[in-house]
Amino acid sequence: MELSNATIGDRAVPEVIDDLRRLQGEFISTVQERGAAIIEARGLSPAPGDCVSVAVVSSGEYEIPPGLQFGFPVVADGDGSWSVREGLEHDAFARDRIETTKAELESERAEVEALGLLG
């Protein structure tokens, strides 16, 4: 979760919620479950134009190696098309989390390749 680009009204989340420990811990867990909660509460997916986090195959966005499945900020148009929202700046905490996740995923991919399961 990249909090420095998330907003409440027109203010960055960390400006509104002054509890960094909660934002970098419990809040992330809550946000990871938000898609299911939205669908359950509204009976439908996020509205067209909403930016949501979705795991998609990278084309090199945000310096994630092409072909790696990764969570990106995605905007859907409501007609079945979507695109990765590029150009978001990441704070140090988010960059660290992204790099850690990228390293884990690259390691897992290497293990699968070593087993001969990717071709």
N, C-alpha and C. Protein backbone atom coordinates (compact mmCIF):
# COMPACT_ATOMS: atom_id res chain seq x y z
N MET A 1 0.85 -1.18 0.00
CA MET A 1 0.00 0.00 0.00
C MET A 1 0.89 1.22 0.00
N GLU A 2 0.65 2.11 -0.91
CA GLU A 2 1.46 3.30 -1.04
C GLU A 2 0.65 4.48 -0.52
N LEU A 3 0.90 4.86 0.72
CA LEU A 3 0.06 5.84 1.41
C LEU A 3 0.27 7.28 0.98
N SER A 4 1.44 7.63 0.50
CA SER A 4 1.66 9.04 0.18
C SER A 4 0.86 9.49 -1.04
N ASN A 5 0.32 8.54 -1.83
CA ASN A 5 -0.54 8.89 -2.96
C ASN A 5 -2.02 8.70 -2.67
N ALA A 6 -2.33 8.09 -1.53
CA ALA A 6 -3.73 7.92 -1.14
C ALA A 6 -4.21 9.23 -0.52
N THR A 7 -5.47 9.56 -0.76
CA THR A 7 -6.00 10.81 -0.24
C THR A 7 -7.30 10.60 0.52
N ILE A 8 -7.55 11.51 1.42
CA ILE A 8 -8.84 11.65 2.09
C ILE A 8 -9.26 13.07 1.77
N GLY A 9 -10.30 13.20 0.98
CA GLY A 9 -10.63 14.53 0.46
C GLY A 9 -9.51 14.94 -0.48
N ASP A 10 -8.90 16.06 -0.22
CA ASP A 10 -7.79 16.52 -1.06
C ASP A 10 -6.46 16.47 -0.32
N ARG A 11 -6.42 15.77 0.83
CA ARG A 11 -5.19 15.71 1.63
C ARG A 11 -4.62 14.29 1.64
N ALA A 12 -3.30 14.18 1.67
CA ALA A 12 -2.64 12.88 1.75
C ALA A 12 -3.03 12.19 3.06
N VAL A 13 -3.23 10.88 3.00
CA VAL A 13 -3.64 10.12 4.18
C VAL A 13 -2.76 10.41 5.39
N PRO A 14 -1.41 10.40 5.27
CA PRO A 14 -0.59 10.65 6.46
C PRO A 14 -0.78 12.04 7.08
N GLU A 15 -1.32 12.99 6.32
CA GLU A 15 -1.63 14.31 6.88
C GLU A 15 -2.89 14.26 7.74
N VAL A 16 -3.81 13.37 7.41
CA VAL A 16 -5.09 13.28 8.09
C VAL A 16 -5.01 12.30 9.27
N ILE A 17 -4.33 11.18 9.07
CA ILE A 17 -4.22 10.16 10.11
C ILE A 17 -2.79 10.18 10.63
N ASP A 18 -2.64 10.68 11.84
CA ASP A 18 -1.32 10.89 12.42
C ASP A 18 -0.92 9.70 13.31
N ASP A 19 -0.94 8.50 12.72
CA ASP A 19 -0.55 7.29 13.46
C ASP A 19 0.19 6.39 12.47
N LEU A 20 1.47 6.71 12.24
CA LEU A 20 2.27 6.02 11.24
C LEU A 20 2.34 4.52 11.50
N ARG A 21 2.45 4.11 12.76
CA ARG A 21 2.52 2.68 13.09
C ARG A 21 1.25 1.96 12.60
N ARG A 22 0.09 2.55 12.83
CA ARG A 22 -1.16 1.93 12.39
C ARG A 22 -1.25 1.92 10.86
N LEU A 23 -0.86 3.04 10.24
CA LEU A 23 -0.91 3.12 8.79
C LEU A 23 -0.01 2.09 8.11
N GLN A 24 1.14 1.81 8.71
CA GLN A 24 2.09 0.88 8.12
C GLN A 24 1.88 -0.55 8.60
N GLY A 25 0.88 -0.80 9.43
CA GLY A 25 0.60 -2.13 9.94
C GLY A 25 -0.82 -2.56 9.72
N GLU A 26 -1.67 -2.33 10.73
CA GLU A 26 -3.07 -2.77 10.70
C GLU A 26 -3.83 -2.22 9.48
N PHE A 27 -3.57 -0.98 9.13
CA PHE A 27 -4.27 -0.36 8.00
C PHE A 27 -4.01 -1.11 6.70
N ILE A 28 -2.77 -1.56 6.49
CA ILE A 28 -2.43 -2.29 5.27
C ILE A 28 -3.26 -3.57 5.18
N SER A 29 -3.38 -4.29 6.30
CA SER A 29 -4.19 -5.51 6.31
C SER A 29 -5.64 -5.21 5.96
N THR A 30 -6.16 -4.14 6.50
CA THR A 30 -7.55 -3.75 6.23
C THR A 30 -7.73 -3.44 4.74
N VAL A 31 -6.80 -2.71 4.17
CA VAL A 31 -6.89 -2.32 2.76
C VAL A 31 -6.78 -3.55 1.85
N GLN A 32 -5.97 -4.52 2.24
CA GLN A 32 -5.82 -5.72 1.42
C GLN A 32 -7.14 -6.47 1.28
N GLU A 33 -8.05 -6.29 2.21
CA GLU A 33 -9.34 -6.97 2.18
C GLU A 33 -10.46 -6.09 1.63
N ARG A 34 -10.14 -4.88 1.22
CA ARG A 34 -11.18 -3.91 0.85
C ARG A 34 -11.99 -4.30 -0.38
N GLY A 35 -11.37 -4.97 -1.33
CA GLY A 35 -12.10 -5.34 -2.54
C GLY A 35 -13.29 -6.22 -2.22
N ALA A 36 -13.06 -7.23 -1.42
CA ALA A 36 -14.15 -8.13 -1.02
C ALA A 36 -15.19 -7.37 -0.21
N ALA A 37 -14.75 -6.47 0.66
CA ALA A 37 -15.69 -5.71 1.49
C ALA A 37 -16.55 -4.78 0.62
N ILE A 38 -15.95 -4.15 -0.39
CA ILE A 38 -16.71 -3.26 -1.28
C ILE A 38 -17.77 -4.05 -2.04
N ILE A 39 -17.34 -5.18 -2.60
CA ILE A 39 -18.29 -5.99 -3.37
C ILE A 39 -19.42 -6.48 -2.48
N GLU A 40 -19.09 -6.89 -1.26
CA GLU A 40 -20.13 -7.36 -0.33
C GLU A 40 -21.09 -6.23 0.05
N ALA A 41 -20.55 -5.05 0.35
CA ALA A 41 -21.38 -3.93 0.79
C ALA A 41 -22.20 -3.33 -0.36
N ARG A 42 -21.59 -3.15 -1.53
CA ARG A 42 -22.25 -2.48 -2.65
C ARG A 42 -22.89 -3.46 -3.63
N GLY A 43 -22.42 -4.70 -3.58
CA GLY A 43 -22.92 -5.68 -4.53
C GLY A 43 -22.29 -5.53 -5.90
N LEU A 44 -21.24 -4.72 -6.00
CA LEU A 44 -20.57 -4.54 -7.27
C LEU A 44 -19.14 -4.10 -7.05
N SER A 45 -18.38 -4.14 -8.11
CA SER A 45 -16.97 -3.77 -8.06
C SER A 45 -16.82 -2.25 -7.98
N PRO A 46 -15.57 -1.76 -7.74
CA PRO A 46 -15.35 -0.31 -7.74
C PRO A 46 -15.85 0.35 -9.03
N ALA A 47 -16.24 1.60 -8.93
CA ALA A 47 -16.80 2.33 -10.06
C ALA A 47 -15.75 2.61 -11.13
N PRO A 48 -16.18 2.75 -12.39
CA PRO A 48 -15.24 3.11 -13.45
C PRO A 48 -14.50 4.39 -13.09
N GLY A 49 -13.21 4.41 -13.35
CA GLY A 49 -12.38 5.58 -13.04
C GLY A 49 -11.71 5.49 -11.68
N ASP A 50 -12.22 4.60 -10.79
CA ASP A 50 -11.58 4.41 -9.50
C ASP A 50 -10.21 3.78 -9.72
N CYS A 51 -9.26 4.15 -8.91
CA CYS A 51 -7.93 3.56 -8.95
C CYS A 51 -7.85 2.53 -7.82
N VAL A 52 -7.61 1.28 -8.19
CA VAL A 52 -7.53 0.19 -7.21
C VAL A 52 -6.26 -0.60 -7.45
N SER A 53 -5.84 -1.33 -6.43
CA SER A 53 -4.65 -2.18 -6.56
C SER A 53 -5.06 -3.53 -7.11
N VAL A 54 -4.40 -3.93 -8.22
CA VAL A 54 -4.72 -5.19 -8.87
C VAL A 54 -3.41 -5.87 -9.27
N ALA A 55 -3.34 -7.19 -9.07
CA ALA A 55 -2.18 -7.95 -9.52
C ALA A 55 -2.32 -8.23 -11.01
N VAL A 56 -1.39 -7.71 -11.79
CA VAL A 56 -1.38 -7.91 -13.24
C VAL A 56 0.05 -8.22 -13.68
N VAL A 57 0.20 -8.71 -14.90
CA VAL A 57 1.52 -8.99 -15.44
C VAL A 57 2.19 -7.67 -15.82
N SER A 58 3.39 -7.47 -15.30
CA SER A 58 4.12 -6.23 -15.54
C SER A 58 4.59 -6.12 -16.98
N SER A 59 4.53 -4.89 -17.48
CA SER A 59 5.12 -4.55 -18.77
C SER A 59 6.33 -3.65 -18.54
N GLY A 60 6.81 -3.62 -17.29
CA GLY A 60 7.96 -2.80 -16.94
C GLY A 60 7.60 -1.55 -16.16
N GLU A 61 6.32 -1.39 -15.82
CA GLU A 61 5.90 -0.22 -15.05
C GLU A 61 6.59 -0.20 -13.68
N TYR A 62 6.87 1.00 -13.20
CA TYR A 62 7.45 1.20 -11.87
C TYR A 62 8.70 0.35 -11.64
N GLU A 63 9.47 0.11 -12.70
CA GLU A 63 10.72 -0.64 -12.63
C GLU A 63 10.54 -2.08 -12.15
N ILE A 64 9.35 -2.62 -12.37
CA ILE A 64 9.10 -4.03 -12.09
C ILE A 64 9.41 -4.80 -13.38
N PRO A 65 10.21 -5.86 -13.29
CA PRO A 65 10.60 -6.58 -14.51
C PRO A 65 9.39 -7.06 -15.32
N PRO A 66 9.44 -6.90 -16.63
CA PRO A 66 8.36 -7.39 -17.48
C PRO A 66 8.10 -8.88 -17.24
N GLY A 67 6.84 -9.24 -17.25
CA GLY A 67 6.44 -10.63 -17.07
C GLY A 67 6.19 -11.04 -15.64
N LEU A 68 6.58 -10.20 -14.68
CA LEU A 68 6.37 -10.52 -13.27
C LEU A 68 4.97 -10.09 -12.85
N GLN A 69 4.24 -10.99 -12.22
CA GLN A 69 2.89 -10.67 -11.70
C GLN A 69 3.09 -9.78 -10.49
N PHE A 70 2.46 -8.60 -10.47
CA PHE A 70 2.71 -7.62 -9.40
C PHE A 70 1.47 -6.76 -9.18
N GLY A 71 1.31 -6.26 -7.99
CA GLY A 71 0.18 -5.38 -7.68
C GLY A 71 0.48 -3.96 -8.12
N PHE A 72 -0.39 -3.41 -8.98
CA PHE A 72 -0.22 -2.06 -9.50
C PHE A 72 -1.48 -1.24 -9.27
N PRO A 73 -1.35 0.09 -9.27
CA PRO A 73 -2.55 0.93 -9.27
C PRO A 73 -3.18 0.85 -10.66
N VAL A 74 -4.41 0.40 -10.72
CA VAL A 74 -5.08 0.16 -12.00
C VAL A 74 -6.37 0.96 -12.05
N VAL A 75 -6.65 1.52 -13.23
CA VAL A 75 -7.89 2.25 -13.46
C VAL A 75 -8.67 1.51 -14.54
N ALA A 76 -9.93 1.19 -14.24
CA ALA A 76 -10.80 0.53 -15.21
C ALA A 76 -11.71 1.57 -15.86
N ASP A 77 -12.04 1.34 -17.13
CA ASP A 77 -12.89 2.30 -17.83
C ASP A 77 -14.38 1.96 -17.76
N GLY A 78 -14.72 0.79 -17.19
CA GLY A 78 -16.12 0.39 -17.08
C GLY A 78 -16.62 -0.39 -18.27
N ASP A 79 -15.80 -0.46 -19.34
CA ASP A 79 -16.18 -1.20 -20.54
C ASP A 79 -15.32 -2.43 -20.75
N GLY A 80 -14.64 -2.87 -19.69
CA GLY A 80 -13.82 -4.07 -19.77
C GLY A 80 -12.34 -3.82 -20.00
N SER A 81 -11.95 -2.58 -20.21
CA SER A 81 -10.54 -2.25 -20.40
C SER A 81 -9.99 -1.63 -19.12
N TRP A 82 -8.71 -1.76 -18.94
CA TRP A 82 -8.06 -1.18 -17.78
C TRP A 82 -6.64 -0.78 -18.17
N SER A 83 -6.03 0.03 -17.32
CA SER A 83 -4.63 0.40 -17.54
C SER A 83 -3.97 0.66 -16.20
N VAL A 84 -2.66 0.42 -16.16
CA VAL A 84 -1.88 0.73 -14.97
C VAL A 84 -1.73 2.24 -14.91
N ARG A 85 -2.05 2.81 -13.76
CA ARG A 85 -1.87 4.26 -13.57
C ARG A 85 -0.40 4.51 -13.28
N GLU A 86 0.28 5.14 -14.20
CA GLU A 86 1.70 5.39 -14.05
C GLU A 86 1.95 6.80 -13.53
N GLY A 87 3.16 7.03 -13.04
CA GLY A 87 3.58 8.36 -12.63
C GLY A 87 3.39 8.68 -11.17
N LEU A 88 2.90 7.73 -10.37
CA LEU A 88 2.76 7.99 -8.94
C LEU A 88 4.13 7.99 -8.29
N GLU A 89 4.36 8.92 -7.40
CA GLU A 89 5.62 8.96 -6.64
C GLU A 89 5.45 8.11 -5.38
N HIS A 90 6.50 7.42 -4.98
CA HIS A 90 6.44 6.57 -3.80
C HIS A 90 7.38 7.10 -2.72
N ASP A 91 6.89 7.12 -1.48
CA ASP A 91 7.75 7.53 -0.38
C ASP A 91 8.72 6.40 -0.03
N ALA A 92 9.64 6.65 0.91
CA ALA A 92 10.68 5.68 1.24
C ALA A 92 10.10 4.36 1.74
N PHE A 93 9.05 4.43 2.57
CA PHE A 93 8.43 3.21 3.09
C PHE A 93 7.87 2.37 1.94
N ALA A 94 7.15 3.00 1.03
CA ALA A 94 6.56 2.28 -0.09
C ALA A 94 7.64 1.71 -1.00
N ARG A 95 8.68 2.49 -1.28
CA ARG A 95 9.77 1.98 -2.13
C ARG A 95 10.41 0.75 -1.50
N ASP A 96 10.61 0.77 -0.19
CA ASP A 96 11.18 -0.37 0.50
C ASP A 96 10.27 -1.60 0.37
N ARG A 97 8.98 -1.41 0.59
CA ARG A 97 8.02 -2.52 0.48
C ARG A 97 7.98 -3.07 -0.95
N ILE A 98 8.01 -2.18 -1.92
CA ILE A 98 7.99 -2.60 -3.33
C ILE A 98 9.24 -3.40 -3.66
N GLU A 99 10.40 -2.91 -3.24
CA GLU A 99 11.65 -3.62 -3.51
C GLU A 99 11.69 -4.97 -2.83
N THR A 100 11.20 -5.05 -1.59
CA THR A 100 11.16 -6.32 -0.86
C THR A 100 10.26 -7.31 -1.58
N THR A 101 9.07 -6.86 -1.97
CA THR A 101 8.13 -7.73 -2.67
C THR A 101 8.70 -8.17 -4.02
N LYS A 102 9.30 -7.24 -4.75
CA LYS A 102 9.89 -7.57 -6.04
C LYS A 102 10.96 -8.64 -5.87
N ALA A 103 11.83 -8.49 -4.88
CA ALA A 103 12.89 -9.48 -4.65
C ALA A 103 12.31 -10.85 -4.32
N GLU A 104 11.26 -10.88 -3.49
CA GLU A 104 10.62 -12.15 -3.15
C GLU A 104 10.02 -12.81 -4.38
N LEU A 105 9.33 -12.03 -5.20
CA LEU A 105 8.70 -12.59 -6.40
C LEU A 105 9.73 -13.06 -7.41
N GLU A 106 10.83 -12.32 -7.56
CA GLU A 106 11.88 -12.74 -8.48
C GLU A 106 12.53 -14.04 -7.99
N SER A 107 12.71 -14.17 -6.69
CA SER A 107 13.27 -15.39 -6.12
C SER A 107 12.34 -16.58 -6.36
N GLU A 108 11.05 -16.37 -6.14
CA GLU A 108 10.08 -17.44 -6.37
C GLU A 108 10.05 -17.84 -7.85
N ARG A 109 10.12 -16.85 -8.73
CA ARG A 109 10.12 -17.15 -10.17
C ARG A 109 11.36 -17.95 -10.54
N ALA A 110 12.52 -17.60 -9.96
CA ALA A 110 13.75 -18.33 -10.24
C ALA A 110 13.65 -19.79 -9.78
N GLU A 111 13.02 -20.00 -8.63
CA GLU A 111 12.83 -21.36 -8.13
C GLU A 111 11.94 -22.18 -9.06
N VAL A 112 10.87 -21.56 -9.54
CA VAL A 112 9.96 -22.25 -10.46
C VAL A 112 10.67 -22.55 -11.78
N GLU A 113 11.46 -21.60 -12.26
CA GLU A 113 12.23 -21.82 -13.49
C GLU A 113 13.22 -22.97 -13.31
N ALA A 114 13.87 -23.03 -12.13
CA ALA A 114 14.84 -24.09 -11.86
C ALA A 114 14.18 -25.46 -11.86
N LEU A 115 12.91 -25.50 -11.53
CA LEU A 115 12.17 -26.76 -11.57
C LEU A 115 11.72 -27.12 -12.98
N GLY A 116 11.95 -26.23 -13.91
CA GLY A 116 11.57 -26.46 -15.30
C GLY A 116 10.09 -26.25 -15.56
N LEU A 117 9.44 -25.49 -14.68
CA LEU A 117 7.99 -25.30 -14.82
C LEU A 117 7.62 -24.06 -15.62
N LEU A 118 8.60 -23.25 -15.97
CA LEU A 118 8.35 -22.09 -16.84
C LEU A 118 9.13 -22.30 -18.12
N GLY A 119 8.54 -21.92 -19.20
CA GLY A 119 9.25 -22.13 -20.45
C GLY A 119 9.26 -20.98 -21.34
